[in-house]
Amino acid sequence: MRLAPALAVLMLLVALPAAASEPAPEMASRLAPSVLRGSSEVPELWLAQRSIDREWGPSEDSVYKEVDIPQWKREGLAMALSAAVPGTGQLYVGERSGWLFLFVEALGWAGRTVTRQRGDEFAAEAATLVGDPLQPASGWSFDRYAQATGRDAQELRVLWDQDRDAFYELLSRNDDYRFGFSGTDPLLSYDAYRSVHESSQDRYQRSRYAETLLWVNHVVAAFDALRAARNHNLPLRRDLELRVGGRLRPRGSEVHAVVVRRF
């Protein structure tokens, strides 16, 4: 029983040298600067920063291959083509109806040109029948009209100086102005003038109808070309897909939107 206290004392004596030789545990990380080890003073605040340099490259989810669709027709282009030249948008899409719009366009321009030219010819002939009203010997004169009717022709003179077309139109609308024509029968001269003048106005009216037809043809052809392009692209829309991706870079990012077709 007395050996137990002696054995305990012996073990204590053996453990003390081992504990003295064992190094003290480090209070700081091995990555910390050496000044922080074994110092009792409070060190100044140290900041460590680690920079990571990495070049961001393309990934499979952010880069797509553009697929050309030969059958696809641009709707805006088709509409613009037919708005400029009716029928060309339909031909661009592949519809033969474009030839009909082209035919109407050519017919409208031909009708406008012919009617306008004939109107100018009749107007020139009517002006020849009247002549220069300031001259007493002309086909129609202010002096002859004033002497035959006893009326002042000053308003007609002003109209002649400012608006010749209005002057010729006024002569054809009022029978009282027949007394200004020369000849043994002023009424016959007046009827001849009025007939020629009305023929010129009739051709001008037809020319305006042709111009209206041209405008209508442009508008209708433009919207019809838009319809044709949409109908053409409708079966292709089911195979189309819009993909949106991006790419990250140190100096900025990029976004891509691509329309692809599934096969």
C-alpha atoms as a PDB file:
ATOM      1  CA  MET A   1       0.000   0.000   0.000  1.00  0.00           C
ATOM      2  CA  ARG A   2       2.929   2.346   0.596  1.00  0.00           C
ATOM      3  CA  LEU A   3       4.217   1.744  -2.891  1.00  0.00           C
ATOM      4  CA  ALA A   4       1.341   3.714  -4.464  1.00  0.00           C
ATOM      5  CA  PRO A   5       2.410   7.181  -3.229  1.00  0.00           C
ATOM      6  CA  ALA A   6       5.977   6.460  -4.267  1.00  0.00           C
ATOM      7  CA  LEU A   7       4.915   5.354  -7.740  1.00  0.00           C
ATOM      8  CA  ALA A   8       2.847   8.508  -8.189  1.00  0.00           C
ATOM      9  CA  VAL A   9       5.754  10.723  -7.247  1.00  0.00           C
ATOM     10  CA  LEU A  10       7.990   8.862  -9.677  1.00  0.00           C
ATOM     11  CA  MET A  11       5.572   9.326 -12.573  1.00  0.00           C
ATOM     12  CA  LEU A  12       5.266  13.059 -11.809  1.00  0.00           C
ATOM     13  CA  LEU A  13       9.008  13.480 -11.926  1.00  0.00           C
ATOM     14  CA  VAL A  14       9.145  11.751 -15.339  1.00  0.00           C
ATOM     15  CA  ALA A  15       6.317  13.879 -16.837  1.00  0.00           C
ATOM     16  CA  LEU A  16       7.753  17.284 -15.842  1.00  0.00           C
ATOM     17  CA  PRO A  17      10.804  17.185 -18.137  1.00  0.00           C
ATOM     18  CA  ALA A  18       8.659  16.007 -21.064  1.00  0.00           C
ATOM     19  CA  ALA A  19       6.220  18.863 -20.561  1.00  0.00           C
ATOM     20  CA  ALA A  20       9.041  21.384 -20.339  1.00  0.00           C
ATOM     21  CA  SER A  21      10.578  20.189 -23.623  1.00  0.00           C
ATOM     22  CA  GLU A  22       7.276  20.269 -25.569  1.00  0.00           C
ATOM     23  CA  PRO A  23       6.842  23.569 -27.566  1.00  0.00           C
ATOM     24  CA  ALA A  24       4.008  25.955 -26.696  1.00  0.00           C
ATOM     25  CA  PRO A  25       1.005  25.876 -29.054  1.00  0.00           C
ATOM     26  CA  GLU A  26       0.946  28.511 -31.741  1.00  0.00           C
ATOM     27  CA  MET A  27      -1.743  31.163 -31.279  1.00  0.00           C
ATOM     28  CA  ALA A  28      -1.689  32.255 -34.910  1.00  0.00           C
ATOM     29  CA  SER A  29      -2.022  30.569 -38.283  1.00  0.00           C
ATOM     30  CA  ARG A  30       1.039  29.394 -40.096  1.00  0.00           C
ATOM     31  CA  LEU A  31       0.076  31.684 -42.955  1.00  0.00           C
ATOM     32  CA  ALA A  32       0.176  34.744 -40.709  1.00  0.00           C
ATOM     33  CA  PRO A  33       3.231  37.029 -40.776  1.00  0.00           C
ATOM     34  CA  SER A  34       5.976  36.117 -38.370  1.00  0.00           C
ATOM     35  CA  VAL A  35       5.560  39.359 -36.439  1.00  0.00           C
ATOM     36  CA  LEU A  36       2.325  38.010 -35.070  1.00  0.00           C
ATOM     37  CA  ARG A  37       4.025  34.973 -33.533  1.00  0.00           C
ATOM     38  CA  GLY A  38       5.513  35.122 -30.080  1.00  0.00           C
ATOM     39  CA  SER A  39       4.733  38.744 -29.478  1.00  0.00           C
ATOM     40  CA  SER A  40       2.919  39.961 -26.415  1.00  0.00           C
ATOM     41  CA  GLU A  41       2.220  43.358 -27.895  1.00  0.00           C
ATOM     42  CA  VAL A  42      -0.988  44.043 -29.786  1.00  0.00           C
ATOM     43  CA  PRO A  43       0.038  44.314 -33.447  1.00  0.00           C
ATOM     44  CA  GLU A  44      -1.352  46.829 -35.878  1.00  0.00           C
ATOM     45  CA  LEU A  45      -4.132  45.697 -38.152  1.00  0.00           C
ATOM     46  CA  TRP A  46      -2.792  43.902 -41.181  1.00  0.00           C
ATOM     47  CA  LEU A  47      -4.902  43.404 -44.272  1.00  0.00           C
ATOM     48  CA  ALA A  48      -4.103  40.702 -46.737  1.00  0.00           C
ATOM     49  CA  GLN A  49      -5.741  40.562 -50.175  1.00  0.00           C
ATOM     50  CA  ARG A  50      -5.573  37.770 -52.663  1.00  0.00           C
ATOM     51  CA  SER A  51      -6.277  38.574 -56.292  1.00  0.00           C
ATOM     52  CA  ILE A  52      -7.518  35.919 -58.665  1.00  0.00           C
ATOM     53  CA  ASP A  53      -6.764  36.498 -62.334  1.00  0.00           C
ATOM     54  CA  ARG A  54      -8.979  34.461 -64.617  1.00  0.00           C
ATOM     55  CA  GLU A  55      -9.922  34.925 -68.223  1.00  0.00           C
ATOM     56  CA  TRP A  56     -13.566  34.148 -68.812  1.00  0.00           C
ATOM     57  CA  GLY A  57     -13.979  32.118 -71.944  1.00  0.00           C
ATOM     58  CA  PRO A  58     -17.071  31.004 -73.854  1.00  0.00           C
ATOM     59  CA  SER A  59     -19.206  28.279 -72.474  1.00  0.00           C
ATOM     60  CA  GLU A  60     -21.457  25.830 -74.247  1.00  0.00           C
ATOM     61  CA  ASP A  61     -24.571  27.532 -72.876  1.00  0.00           C
ATOM     62  CA  SER A  62     -23.633  31.063 -73.982  1.00  0.00           C
ATOM     63  CA  VAL A  63     -22.506  30.656 -77.584  1.00  0.00           C
ATOM     64  CA  TYR A  64     -24.832  29.581 -80.381  1.00  0.00           C
ATOM     65  CA  LYS A  65     -24.305  28.956 -84.015  1.00  0.00           C
ATOM     66  CA  GLU A  66     -26.412  31.057 -86.326  1.00  0.00           C
ATOM     67  CA  VAL A  67     -28.462  29.012 -88.757  1.00  0.00           C
ATOM     68  CA  ASP A  68     -29.496  30.539 -92.060  1.00  0.00           C
ATOM     69  CA  ILE A  69     -33.065  29.826 -93.178  1.00  0.00           C
ATOM     70  CA  PRO A  70     -33.229  30.145 -96.972  1.00  0.00           C
ATOM     71  CA  GLN A  71     -37.029  29.879 -97.052  1.00  0.00           C
ATOM     72  CA  TRP A  72     -37.577  32.734 -94.598  1.00  0.00           C
ATOM     73  CA  LYS A  73     -38.851  35.992 -96.118  1.00  0.00           C
ATOM     74  CA  ARG A  74     -38.543  39.359 -94.410  1.00  0.00           C
ATOM     75  CA  GLU A  75     -42.026  40.753 -93.938  1.00  0.00           C
ATOM     76  CA  GLY A  76     -40.948  44.377 -93.675  1.00  0.00           C
ATOM     77  CA  LEU A  77     -38.884  44.140 -96.837  1.00  0.00           C
ATOM     78  CA  ALA A  78     -41.765  42.583 -98.763  1.00  0.00           C
ATOM     79  CA  MET A  79     -44.099  45.366 -97.657  1.00  0.00           C
ATOM     80  CA  ALA A  80     -41.573  48.096 -98.512  1.00  0.00           C
ATOM     81  CA  LEU A  81     -40.923  46.654-101.970  1.00  0.00           C
ATOM     82  CA  SER A  82     -44.603  46.594-102.908  1.00  0.00           C
ATOM     83  CA  ALA A  83     -45.126  50.040-101.428  1.00  0.00           C
ATOM     84  CA  ALA A  84     -42.448  51.388-103.778  1.00  0.00           C
ATOM     85  CA  VAL A  85     -43.266  49.241-106.827  1.00  0.00           C
ATOM     86  CA  PRO A  86     -46.515  47.272-106.468  1.00  0.00           C
ATOM     87  CA  GLY A  87     -46.052  43.569-107.065  1.00  0.00           C
ATOM     88  CA  THR A  88     -42.339  43.322-106.322  1.00  0.00           C
ATOM     89  CA  GLY A  89     -42.992  42.311-102.719  1.00  0.00           C
ATOM     90  CA  GLN A  90     -45.234  39.462-103.843  1.00  0.00           C
ATOM     91  CA  LEU A  91     -42.624  38.307-106.349  1.00  0.00           C
ATOM     92  CA  TYR A  92     -39.993  38.435-103.598  1.00  0.00           C
ATOM     93  CA  VAL A  93     -42.139  36.128-101.469  1.00  0.00           C
ATOM     94  CA  GLY A  94     -42.844  33.884-104.447  1.00  0.00           C
ATOM     95  CA  GLU A  95     -46.471  34.683-105.273  1.00  0.00           C
ATOM     96  CA  ARG A  96     -47.472  35.204-108.894  1.00  0.00           C
ATOM     97  CA  SER A  97     -50.100  37.749-107.869  1.00  0.00           C
ATOM     98  CA  GLY A  98     -47.302  40.295-108.032  1.00  0.00           C
ATOM     99  CA  TRP A  99     -47.609  40.334-111.802  1.00  0.00           C
ATOM    100  CA  LEU A 100     -51.212  41.504-111.437  1.00  0.00           C
ATOM    101  CA  PHE A 101     -50.176  44.466-109.300  1.00  0.00           C
ATOM    102  CA  LEU A 102     -47.420  45.303-111.767  1.00  0.00           C
ATOM    103  CA  PHE A 103     -49.915  45.206-114.620  1.00  0.00           C
ATOM    104  CA  VAL A 104     -52.291  47.534-112.773  1.00  0.00           C
ATOM    105  CA  GLU A 105     -49.384  49.872-112.035  1.00  0.00           C
ATOM    106  CA  ALA A 106     -48.329  49.991-115.670  1.00  0.00           C
ATOM    107  CA  LEU A 107     -51.924  50.473-116.794  1.00  0.00           C
ATOM    108  CA  GLY A 108     -52.430  53.309-114.321  1.00  0.00           C
ATOM    109  CA  TRP A 109     -49.315  55.169-115.432  1.00  0.00           C
ATOM    110  CA  ALA A 110     -50.194  54.706-119.093  1.00  0.00           C
ATOM    111  CA  GLY A 111     -53.723  56.003-118.524  1.00  0.00           C
ATOM    112  CA  ARG A 112     -52.493  58.962-116.532  1.00  0.00           C
ATOM    113  CA  THR A 113     -49.917  59.889-119.164  1.00  0.00           C
ATOM    114  CA  VAL A 114     -52.329  59.634-122.093  1.00  0.00           C
ATOM    115  CA  THR A 115     -55.183  61.512-120.418  1.00  0.00           C
ATOM    116  CA  ARG A 116     -52.903  64.234-119.142  1.00  0.00           C
ATOM    117  CA  GLN A 117     -51.402  64.717-122.563  1.00  0.00           C
ATOM    118  CA  ARG A 118     -54.808  64.885-124.243  1.00  0.00           C
ATOM    119  CA  GLY A 119     -55.991  67.329-121.602  1.00  0.00           C
ATOM    120  CA  ASP A 120     -53.045  69.598-122.322  1.00  0.00           C
ATOM    121  CA  GLU A 121     -53.784  69.449-126.042  1.00  0.00           C
ATOM    122  CA  PHE A 122     -57.424  70.411-125.582  1.00  0.00           C
ATOM    123  CA  ALA A 123     -56.490  73.159-123.130  1.00  0.00           C
ATOM    124  CA  ALA A 124     -54.030  74.603-125.630  1.00  0.00           C
ATOM    125  CA  GLU A 125     -56.689  74.514-128.353  1.00  0.00           C
ATOM    126  CA  ALA A 126     -59.178  76.308-126.086  1.00  0.00           C
ATOM    127  CA  ALA A 127     -56.600  78.956-125.268  1.00  0.00           C
ATOM    128  CA  THR A 128     -56.004  79.454-128.998  1.00  0.00           C
ATOM    129  CA  LEU A 129     -59.724  80.077-129.571  1.00  0.00           C
ATOM    130  CA  VAL A 130     -59.680  82.797-126.920  1.00  0.00           C
ATOM    131  CA  GLY A 131     -56.345  84.361-127.837  1.00  0.00           C
ATOM    132  CA  ASP A 132     -55.097  87.439-125.993  1.00  0.00           C
ATOM    133  CA  PRO A 133     -58.145  89.229-124.488  1.00  0.00           C
ATOM    134  CA  LEU A 134     -56.147  92.455-124.307  1.00  0.00           C
ATOM    135  CA  GLN A 135     -56.023  92.614-128.100  1.00  0.00           C
ATOM    136  CA  PRO A 136     -59.291  93.835-129.760  1.00  0.00           C
ATOM    137  CA  ALA A 137     -58.781  91.511-132.759  1.00  0.00           C
ATOM    138  CA  SER A 138     -58.380  88.318-130.683  1.00  0.00           C
ATOM    139  CA  GLY A 139     -60.943  85.538-130.556  1.00  0.00           C
ATOM    140  CA  TRP A 140     -62.285  86.933-127.266  1.00  0.00           C
ATOM    141  CA  SER A 141     -61.503  90.455-126.047  1.00  0.00           C
ATOM    142  CA  PHE A 142     -62.380  92.609-123.052  1.00  0.00           C
ATOM    143  CA  ASP A 143     -63.238  95.581-125.260  1.00  0.00           C
ATOM    144  CA  ARG A 144     -65.635  93.573-127.408  1.00  0.00           C
ATOM    145  CA  TYR A 145     -67.346  92.172-124.335  1.00  0.00           C
ATOM    146  CA  ALA A 146     -67.665  95.619-122.707  1.00  0.00           C
ATOM    147  CA  GLN A 147     -69.103  97.172-125.867  1.00  0.00           C
ATOM    148  CA  ALA A 148     -71.616  94.366-126.433  1.00  0.00           C
ATOM    149  CA  THR A 149     -72.896  94.181-122.850  1.00  0.00           C
ATOM    150  CA  GLY A 150     -72.065  97.604-121.451  1.00  0.00           C
ATOM    151  CA  ARG A 151     -70.449  95.946-118.403  1.00  0.00           C
ATOM    152  CA  ASP A 152     -67.121  96.645-116.829  1.00  0.00           C
ATOM    153  CA  ALA A 153     -64.557  93.903-117.527  1.00  0.00           C
ATOM    154  CA  GLN A 154     -62.074  94.985-114.832  1.00  0.00           C
ATOM    155  CA  GLU A 155     -62.643  91.875-112.705  1.00  0.00           C
ATOM    156  CA  LEU A 156     -62.016  89.696-115.728  1.00  0.00           C
ATOM    157  CA  ARG A 157     -58.796  91.586-116.413  1.00  0.00           C
ATOM    158  CA  VAL A 158     -57.579  90.927-112.866  1.00  0.00           C
ATOM    159  CA  LEU A 159     -58.460  87.250-113.172  1.00  0.00           C
ATOM    160  CA  TRP A 160     -56.621  87.047-116.480  1.00  0.00           C
ATOM    161  CA  ASP A 161     -53.472  88.480-114.898  1.00  0.00           C
ATOM    162  CA  GLN A 162     -53.568  86.303-111.762  1.00  0.00           C
ATOM    163  CA  ASP A 163     -55.085  82.939-112.739  1.00  0.00           C
ATOM    164  CA  ARG A 164     -55.428  81.968-116.404  1.00  0.00           C
ATOM    165  CA  ASP A 165     -57.013  78.565-115.650  1.00  0.00           C
ATOM    166  CA  ALA A 166     -59.728  80.218-113.555  1.00  0.00           C
ATOM    167  CA  PHE A 167     -60.304  82.731-116.337  1.00  0.00           C
ATOM    168  CA  TYR A 168     -60.824  80.012-118.957  1.00  0.00           C
ATOM    169  CA  GLU A 169     -63.108  78.096-116.584  1.00  0.00           C
ATOM    170  CA  LEU A 170     -65.219  81.198-115.930  1.00  0.00           C
ATOM    171  CA  LEU A 171     -65.692  81.838-119.644  1.00  0.00           C
ATOM    172  CA  SER A 172     -67.083  78.326-120.140  1.00  0.00           C
ATOM    173  CA  ARG A 173     -69.506  78.546-117.215  1.00  0.00           C
ATOM    174  CA  ASN A 174     -71.312  81.806-118.034  1.00  0.00           C
ATOM    175  CA  ASP A 175     -73.242  82.272-121.294  1.00  0.00           C
ATOM    176  CA  ASP A 176     -73.054  86.058-120.956  1.00  0.00           C
ATOM    177  CA  TYR A 177     -69.370  85.940-121.895  1.00  0.00           C
ATOM    178  CA  ARG A 178     -70.241  84.707-125.391  1.00  0.00           C
ATOM    179  CA  PHE A 179     -70.560  88.322-126.529  1.00  0.00           C
ATOM    180  CA  GLY A 180     -66.812  88.698-126.171  1.00  0.00           C
ATOM    181  CA  PHE A 181     -66.146  86.268-129.020  1.00  0.00           C
ATOM    182  CA  SER A 182     -65.586  87.462-132.583  1.00  0.00           C
ATOM    183  CA  GLY A 183     -67.368  86.356-135.753  1.00  0.00           C
ATOM    184  CA  THR A 184     -70.774  86.827-137.270  1.00  0.00           C
ATOM    185  CA  ASP A 185     -72.299  84.419-134.748  1.00  0.00           C
ATOM    186  CA  PRO A 186     -70.542  84.706-131.350  1.00  0.00           C
ATOM    187  CA  LEU A 187     -72.707  81.895-129.984  1.00  0.00           C
ATOM    188  CA  LEU A 188     -71.171  79.365-132.373  1.00  0.00           C
ATOM    189  CA  SER A 189     -67.679  80.476-131.405  1.00  0.00           C
ATOM    190  CA  TYR A 190     -68.623  80.256-127.762  1.00  0.00           C
ATOM    191  CA  ASP A 191     -70.045  76.715-128.154  1.00  0.00           C
ATOM    192  CA  ALA A 192     -66.891  75.585-129.937  1.00  0.00           C
ATOM    193  CA  TYR A 193     -64.730  77.014-127.155  1.00  0.00           C
ATOM    194  CA  ARG A 194     -66.839  75.480-124.387  1.00  0.00           C
ATOM    195  CA  SER A 195     -66.786  72.063-126.043  1.00  0.00           C
ATOM    196  CA  VAL A 196     -63.002  72.064-126.323  1.00  0.00           C
ATOM    197  CA  HIS A 197     -62.562  73.362-122.786  1.00  0.00           C
ATOM    198  CA  GLU A 198     -64.878  70.726-121.321  1.00  0.00           C
ATOM    199  CA  SER A 199     -62.957  68.054-123.222  1.00  0.00           C
ATOM    200  CA  SER A 200     -59.752  69.213-121.605  1.00  0.00           C
ATOM    201  CA  GLN A 201     -61.323  69.164-118.134  1.00  0.00           C
ATOM    202  CA  ASP A 202     -62.720  65.702-118.776  1.00  0.00           C
ATOM    203  CA  ARG A 203     -59.243  64.385-119.645  1.00  0.00           C
ATOM    204  CA  TYR A 204     -57.799  66.010-116.546  1.00  0.00           C
ATOM    205  CA  GLN A 205     -60.485  64.353-114.438  1.00  0.00           C
ATOM    206  CA  ARG A 206     -59.616  60.970-115.913  1.00  0.00           C
ATOM    207  CA  SER A 207     -55.984  61.655-115.166  1.00  0.00           C
ATOM    208  CA  ARG A 208     -56.861  62.281-111.522  1.00  0.00           C
ATOM    209  CA  TYR A 209     -58.793  59.012-111.452  1.00  0.00           C
ATOM    210  CA  ALA A 210     -55.693  57.248-112.722  1.00  0.00           C
ATOM    211  CA  GLU A 211     -53.581  58.885-110.025  1.00  0.00           C
ATOM    212  CA  THR A 212     -56.044  57.716-107.373  1.00  0.00           C
ATOM    213  CA  LEU A 213     -55.874  54.209-108.802  1.00  0.00           C
ATOM    214  CA  LEU A 214     -52.095  54.303-108.556  1.00  0.00           C
ATOM    215  CA  TRP A 215     -52.177  55.319-104.888  1.00  0.00           C
ATOM    216  CA  VAL A 216     -54.708  52.612-104.080  1.00  0.00           C
ATOM    217  CA  ASN A 217     -52.622  50.058-105.934  1.00  0.00           C
ATOM    218  CA  HIS A 218     -49.545  50.982-103.887  1.00  0.00           C
ATOM    219  CA  VAL A 219     -51.359  50.714-100.561  1.00  0.00           C
ATOM    220  CA  VAL A 220     -53.184  47.471-101.367  1.00  0.00           C
ATOM    221  CA  ALA A 221     -50.059  45.885-102.809  1.00  0.00           C
ATOM    222  CA  ALA A 222     -48.019  46.786 -99.708  1.00  0.00           C
ATOM    223  CA  PHE A 223     -50.457  45.188 -97.273  1.00  0.00           C
ATOM    224  CA  ASP A 224     -50.979  42.207 -99.553  1.00  0.00           C
ATOM    225  CA  ALA A 225     -47.225  41.646 -99.669  1.00  0.00           C
ATOM    226  CA  LEU A 226     -47.147  41.712 -95.866  1.00  0.00           C
ATOM    227  CA  ARG A 227     -49.927  39.128 -95.796  1.00  0.00           C
ATOM    228  CA  ALA A 228     -48.140  36.953 -98.334  1.00  0.00           C
ATOM    229  CA  ALA A 229     -44.869  37.057 -96.369  1.00  0.00           C
ATOM    230  CA  ARG A 230     -46.596  36.129 -93.116  1.00  0.00           C
ATOM    231  CA  ASN A 231     -48.444  33.258 -94.730  1.00  0.00           C
ATOM    232  CA  HIS A 232     -45.193  32.081 -96.258  1.00  0.00           C
ATOM    233  CA  ASN A 233     -43.347  32.197 -92.925  1.00  0.00           C
ATOM    234  CA  LEU A 234     -46.153  30.652 -90.902  1.00  0.00           C
ATOM    235  CA  PRO A 235     -45.075  27.007 -91.408  1.00  0.00           C
ATOM    236  CA  LEU A 236     -41.482  27.959 -90.557  1.00  0.00           C
ATOM    237  CA  ARG A 237     -42.392  29.554 -87.226  1.00  0.00           C
ATOM    238  CA  ARG A 238     -43.003  26.142 -85.668  1.00  0.00           C
ATOM    239  CA  ASP A 239     -39.400  25.158 -86.309  1.00  0.00           C
ATOM    240  CA  LEU A 240     -37.922  28.418 -85.045  1.00  0.00           C
ATOM    241  CA  GLU A 241     -36.583  29.037 -81.575  1.00  0.00           C
ATOM    242  CA  LEU A 242     -35.218  32.153 -79.931  1.00  0.00           C
ATOM    243  CA  ARG A 243     -32.159  31.523 -77.767  1.00  0.00           C
ATOM    244  CA  VAL A 244     -30.718  34.129 -75.457  1.00  0.00           C
ATOM    245  CA  GLY A 245     -27.253  33.742 -73.979  1.00  0.00           C
ATOM    246  CA  GLY A 246     -24.461  35.789 -72.543  1.00  0.00           C
ATOM    247  CA  ARG A 247     -20.770  35.931 -71.879  1.00  0.00           C
ATOM    248  CA  LEU A 248     -19.077  37.253 -68.737  1.00  0.00           C
ATOM    249  CA  ARG A 249     -15.878  39.217 -69.037  1.00  0.00           C
ATOM    250  CA  PRO A 250     -13.785  41.230 -66.581  1.00  0.00           C
ATOM    251  CA  ARG A 251     -14.556  44.477 -68.401  1.00  0.00           C
ATOM    252  CA  GLY A 252     -18.188  43.829 -69.170  1.00  0.00           C
ATOM    253  CA  SER A 253     -20.712  41.295 -70.280  1.00  0.00           C
ATOM    254  CA  GLU A 254     -22.344  40.463 -73.603  1.00  0.00           C
ATOM    255  CA  VAL A 255     -25.813  39.235 -74.421  1.00  0.00           C
ATOM    256  CA  HIS A 256     -26.702  37.307 -77.579  1.00  0.00           C
ATOM    257  CA  ALA A 257     -30.136  36.626 -79.032  1.00  0.00           C
ATOM    258  CA  VAL A 258     -30.209  34.204 -81.943  1.00  0.00           C
ATOM    259  CA  VAL A 259     -33.088  32.732 -83.924  1.00  0.00           C
ATOM    260  CA  VAL A 260     -32.356  29.119 -84.810  1.00  0.00           C
ATOM    261  CA  ARG A 261     -34.282  26.475 -86.645  1.00  0.00           C
ATOM    262  CA  ARG A 262     -34.739  22.941 -85.405  1.00  0.00           C
ATOM    263  CA  PHE A 263     -34.252  20.135 -87.887  1.00  0.00           C
END
